[in-house]
C-alpha cells in the first residue's frame, strides 16, 4: 500500500485501473487519479457536526453566530469571510481524517 493511499485513503472514484511500477526493487500500485477518499469525506461532512467541531476548534475566536448574527447573516465584518471559510474547512478536514482513521482501525 502506497504512502499516498495511507494519507488520503486513495481514490474515491478511480478513473482507471491502477498501474504498477517497479521502484527500487519493489512493485507499487500508482493511484489512478480522481477525488481522494479524504476529499470525499470532507465534502460530505454533516453540517451540524462541522459546526460543532468548528465551535470547539476555535473557542478563542469570536463564534460564527456572534459574527453573523440572527436574521441578516452578513451584517458584521469583525471576522473576515476568508477566516470563516478557513475555520469551516479545517473542521471538515478534521472530520474526514477521523473517518479515515476509523476506517483503518476496522481493517
C-alpha atoms as a PDB file:
ATOM      1  CA  UNK A   1       0.000   0.000   0.000  1.00  0.00           C
ATOM      2  CA  UNK A   2       1.500   3.333  -1.034  1.00  0.00           C
ATOM      3  CA  UNK A   3       2.182   6.188   1.380  1.00  0.00           C
ATOM      4  CA  UNK A   4      -0.243   8.371  -0.594  1.00  0.00           C
ATOM      5  CA  UNK A   5      -3.035   5.819  -0.037  1.00  0.00           C
ATOM      6  CA  UNK A   6      -2.413   5.841   3.715  1.00  0.00           C
ATOM      7  CA  UNK A   7      -2.576   9.649   3.817  1.00  0.00           C
ATOM      8  CA  UNK A   8      -5.739  10.276   1.799  1.00  0.00           C
ATOM      9  CA  UNK A   9      -7.463   6.888   1.585  1.00  0.00           C
ATOM     10  CA  UNK A  10      -6.796   6.508  -2.135  1.00  0.00           C
ATOM     11  CA  UNK A  11      -9.187   7.455  -4.905  1.00  0.00           C
ATOM     12  CA  UNK A  12     -12.891   7.571  -4.028  1.00  0.00           C
ATOM     13  CA  UNK A  13     -13.922   7.004  -7.642  1.00  0.00           C
ATOM     14  CA  UNK A  14     -10.956   5.558  -9.542  1.00  0.00           C
ATOM     15  CA  UNK A  15     -10.987   6.567 -13.188  1.00  0.00           C
ATOM     16  CA  UNK A  16      -8.697   3.806 -14.447  1.00  0.00           C
ATOM     17  CA  UNK A  17      -7.378   0.512 -13.118  1.00  0.00           C
ATOM     18  CA  UNK A  18      -4.207   1.034 -11.065  1.00  0.00           C
ATOM     19  CA  UNK A  19      -0.888   0.957 -12.879  1.00  0.00           C
ATOM     20  CA  UNK A  20       2.053  -0.853 -11.336  1.00  0.00           C
ATOM     21  CA  UNK A  21       5.605   0.445 -11.306  1.00  0.00           C
ATOM     22  CA  UNK A  22       8.848  -1.043 -10.122  1.00  0.00           C
ATOM     23  CA  UNK A  23      10.906   1.299  -7.988  1.00  0.00           C
ATOM     24  CA  UNK A  24      13.956   0.266  -6.023  1.00  0.00           C
ATOM     25  CA  UNK A  25      13.111  -3.397  -6.485  1.00  0.00           C
ATOM     26  CA  UNK A  26       9.562  -3.020  -5.143  1.00  0.00           C
ATOM     27  CA  UNK A  27       6.325  -3.216  -7.088  1.00  0.00           C
ATOM     28  CA  UNK A  28       3.914  -0.443  -6.148  1.00  0.00           C
ATOM     29  CA  UNK A  29       0.472   0.463  -7.404  1.00  0.00           C
ATOM     30  CA  UNK A  30       0.153   4.014  -8.700  1.00  0.00           C
ATOM     31  CA  UNK A  31      -3.147   5.629  -7.918  1.00  0.00           C
ATOM     32  CA  UNK A  32      -5.368   6.148 -10.926  1.00  0.00           C
ATOM     33  CA  UNK A  33      -6.465   9.664 -10.128  1.00  0.00           C
ATOM     34  CA  UNK A  34      -9.812  11.069  -9.205  1.00  0.00           C
ATOM     35  CA  UNK A  35     -11.027  12.546  -5.953  1.00  0.00           C
ATOM     36  CA  UNK A  36      -9.388  11.105  -2.854  1.00  0.00           C
ATOM     37  CA  UNK A  37     -11.455   9.449  -0.172  1.00  0.00           C
ATOM     38  CA  UNK A  38     -10.276  12.140   2.258  1.00  0.00           C
ATOM     39  CA  UNK A  39     -11.663  14.847  -0.049  1.00  0.00           C
ATOM     40  CA  UNK A  40     -14.922  12.925  -0.424  1.00  0.00           C
ATOM     41  CA  UNK A  41     -15.372  12.609   3.339  1.00  0.00           C
ATOM     42  CA  UNK A  42     -14.599  16.319   3.809  1.00  0.00           C
ATOM     43  CA  UNK A  43     -17.100  17.347   1.133  1.00  0.00           C
ATOM     44  CA  UNK A  44     -19.833  15.207   2.680  1.00  0.00           C
ATOM     45  CA  UNK A  45     -19.257  16.004   6.349  1.00  0.00           C
ATOM     46  CA  UNK A  46     -22.613  16.687   8.053  1.00  0.00           C
ATOM     47  CA  UNK A  47     -23.270  20.398   8.568  1.00  0.00           C
ATOM     48  CA  UNK A  48     -24.347  20.136  12.210  1.00  0.00           C
ATOM     49  CA  UNK A  49     -21.270  18.148  13.190  1.00  0.00           C
ATOM     50  CA  UNK A  50     -18.993  20.515  11.251  1.00  0.00           C
ATOM     51  CA  UNK A  51     -20.497  23.458  13.125  1.00  0.00           C
ATOM     52  CA  UNK A  52     -19.912  21.736  16.483  1.00  0.00           C
ATOM     53  CA  UNK A  53     -16.317  20.871  15.565  1.00  0.00           C
ATOM     54  CA  UNK A  54     -15.686  24.417  14.328  1.00  0.00           C
ATOM     55  CA  UNK A  55     -17.027  25.895  17.567  1.00  0.00           C
ATOM     56  CA  UNK A  56     -14.737  23.712  19.674  1.00  0.00           C
ATOM     57  CA  UNK A  57     -11.648  24.194  17.490  1.00  0.00           C
ATOM     58  CA  UNK A  58     -11.794  27.978  17.586  1.00  0.00           C
ATOM     59  CA  UNK A  59     -13.030  28.799  21.102  1.00  0.00           C
ATOM     60  CA  UNK A  60     -10.603  31.709  21.441  1.00  0.00           C
ATOM     61  CA  UNK A  61     -12.016  33.468  18.350  1.00  0.00           C
ATOM     62  CA  UNK A  62     -15.466  35.092  18.017  1.00  0.00           C
ATOM     63  CA  UNK A  63     -18.079  32.477  17.199  1.00  0.00           C
ATOM     64  CA  UNK A  64     -19.654  32.351  13.758  1.00  0.00           C
ATOM     65  CA  UNK A  65     -23.064  33.112  15.311  1.00  0.00           C
ATOM     66  CA  UNK A  66     -21.685  36.223  17.029  1.00  0.00           C
ATOM     67  CA  UNK A  67     -20.039  37.308  13.797  1.00  0.00           C
ATOM     68  CA  UNK A  68     -23.035  36.901  11.532  1.00  0.00           C
ATOM     69  CA  UNK A  69     -25.911  37.193  13.962  1.00  0.00           C
ATOM     70  CA  UNK A  70     -29.525  36.129  13.539  1.00  0.00           C
ATOM     71  CA  UNK A  71     -31.543  37.206  10.542  1.00  0.00           C
ATOM     72  CA  UNK A  72     -29.018  39.088   8.405  1.00  0.00           C
ATOM     73  CA  UNK A  73     -26.080  36.704   8.234  1.00  0.00           C
ATOM     74  CA  UNK A  74     -23.737  39.311   6.766  1.00  0.00           C
ATOM     75  CA  UNK A  75     -24.144  42.380   8.960  1.00  0.00           C
ATOM     76  CA  UNK A  76     -20.926  42.127  10.999  1.00  0.00           C
ATOM     77  CA  UNK A  77     -17.483  42.040   9.392  1.00  0.00           C
ATOM     78  CA  UNK A  78     -15.366  41.535  12.526  1.00  0.00           C
ATOM     79  CA  UNK A  79     -14.175  38.172  11.184  1.00  0.00           C
ATOM     80  CA  UNK A  80     -13.135  38.262   7.516  1.00  0.00           C
ATOM     81  CA  UNK A  81     -15.032  35.889   5.238  1.00  0.00           C
ATOM     82  CA  UNK A  82     -11.790  34.131   4.343  1.00  0.00           C
ATOM     83  CA  UNK A  83     -11.200  33.323   8.021  1.00  0.00           C
ATOM     84  CA  UNK A  84     -14.713  31.952   8.351  1.00  0.00           C
ATOM     85  CA  UNK A  85     -14.107  29.718   5.316  1.00  0.00           C
ATOM     86  CA  UNK A  86     -10.758  28.564   6.731  1.00  0.00           C
ATOM     87  CA  UNK A  87     -12.411  27.640  10.018  1.00  0.00           C
ATOM     88  CA  UNK A  88     -15.104  25.519   8.378  1.00  0.00           C
ATOM     89  CA  UNK A  89     -12.565  23.923   6.007  1.00  0.00           C
ATOM     90  CA  UNK A  90     -10.393  22.945   8.981  1.00  0.00           C
ATOM     91  CA  UNK A  91     -13.412  21.421  10.732  1.00  0.00           C
ATOM     92  CA  UNK A  92     -14.360  19.456   7.600  1.00  0.00           C
ATOM     93  CA  UNK A  93     -10.816  18.098   7.227  1.00  0.00           C
ATOM     94  CA  UNK A  94     -10.738  17.061  10.887  1.00  0.00           C
ATOM     95  CA  UNK A  95     -13.998  15.153  10.313  1.00  0.00           C
ATOM     96  CA  UNK A  96     -12.580  13.498   7.181  1.00  0.00           C
ATOM     97  CA  UNK A  97      -9.329  12.495   8.909  1.00  0.00           C
ATOM     98  CA  UNK A  98     -11.330  10.937  11.750  1.00  0.00           C
ATOM     99  CA  UNK A  99     -13.385   8.978   9.214  1.00  0.00           C
ATOM    100  CA  UNK A 100     -10.224   7.611   7.584  1.00  0.00           C
ATOM    101  CA  UNK A 101      -8.693   6.776  10.962  1.00  0.00           C
ATOM    102  CA  UNK A 102     -11.816   4.830  11.960  1.00  0.00           C
ATOM    103  CA  UNK A 103     -11.810   3.045   8.593  1.00  0.00           C
ATOM    104  CA  UNK A 104      -8.172   1.991   9.077  1.00  0.00           C
ATOM    105  CA  UNK A 105      -8.880   0.792  12.627  1.00  0.00           C
ATOM    106  CA  UNK A 106     -11.538  -1.604  11.325  1.00  0.00           C
ATOM    107  CA  UNK A 107      -9.288  -3.149   8.666  1.00  0.00           C
END
